[in-house]
Amino acid sequence: MLYIFDWDGALIDSADKIVCAMQAAINQLGLPVITDDEIKAIIGLGLPEAIAVLYPAERLEAREELARHYSLECAMIDENGLCDVFPEVREGLGWLLEQGYTLAVATGKTRKGLDRMLRNHNMSHYFSATRCVDETASKPDPKMLLELLEELGVPAVQAVMVGDTEYDLAMAKAAGIKSLGVSYGVHPVKRLLSCSPLAVVDKFSEVVGYEISCDRCCMAE
């Protein structure tokens, strides 16, 4: 069985960092004010796609400038202190490896951003493969998952996607992969359930403890 995890919101408690970095970048550029909840709603998308949702009327150049400022703010925040790993995550990932499962990451972060976080949190050793948004298509396009399946030689029926956003679970559904939602991230349970996951769980130990049958597959409709 292959477990594919989202990074922000499923493994790492980074929502406040993302909101803080985006609000700082918006303020620096003098763009129209948006709420923290509006920013949280687009967590999980690739950065260009997320900014296009937040500022659809802005010129491409302005959106690209916002992306640059946001990335700089994230790097500065990472240098000044780490986001917390969610409770039970390290223990749970270690247990899954001990049982012989393969682990991977599918994230809306850039390669530079994910590698920095993996290094800072000393978590690279858990994962056999990772895929970032600047290497493929943004969620909810299934390309990211299909590439991981091909790289690791795992059929879709033997994989499960674990995420905290509708984008994660919709991506899994489009790829024909089972999914588990986690309620401790950014999207409300109602949004997660709209994508027909196997379940929505409240803590990471319930991800590890959920019995997943390889002969059940959430096929794309």
Foldseek 3Di string as FASTA:
>chain_A
DEEEEEPDFFFFPCLVLLLVLLQVLCVVVVHDDDDSLLLLQLAQWAQLVSLCVVCVPDDPVVSVSSVVSSVVSSVVVVVVDGTDTFPPNVVLLVVCVVVPYAYEYEYSADPVVVVSNCVVVVPPVSHPYYDYCVVDPIFPALPSVVVVCVVVVHDQLPYEYEEAHLRRLSSNQARFHAYEHECRGRDHPVSNCVSPHPYYYHGVVVVSVDDRDSVDTNHHD
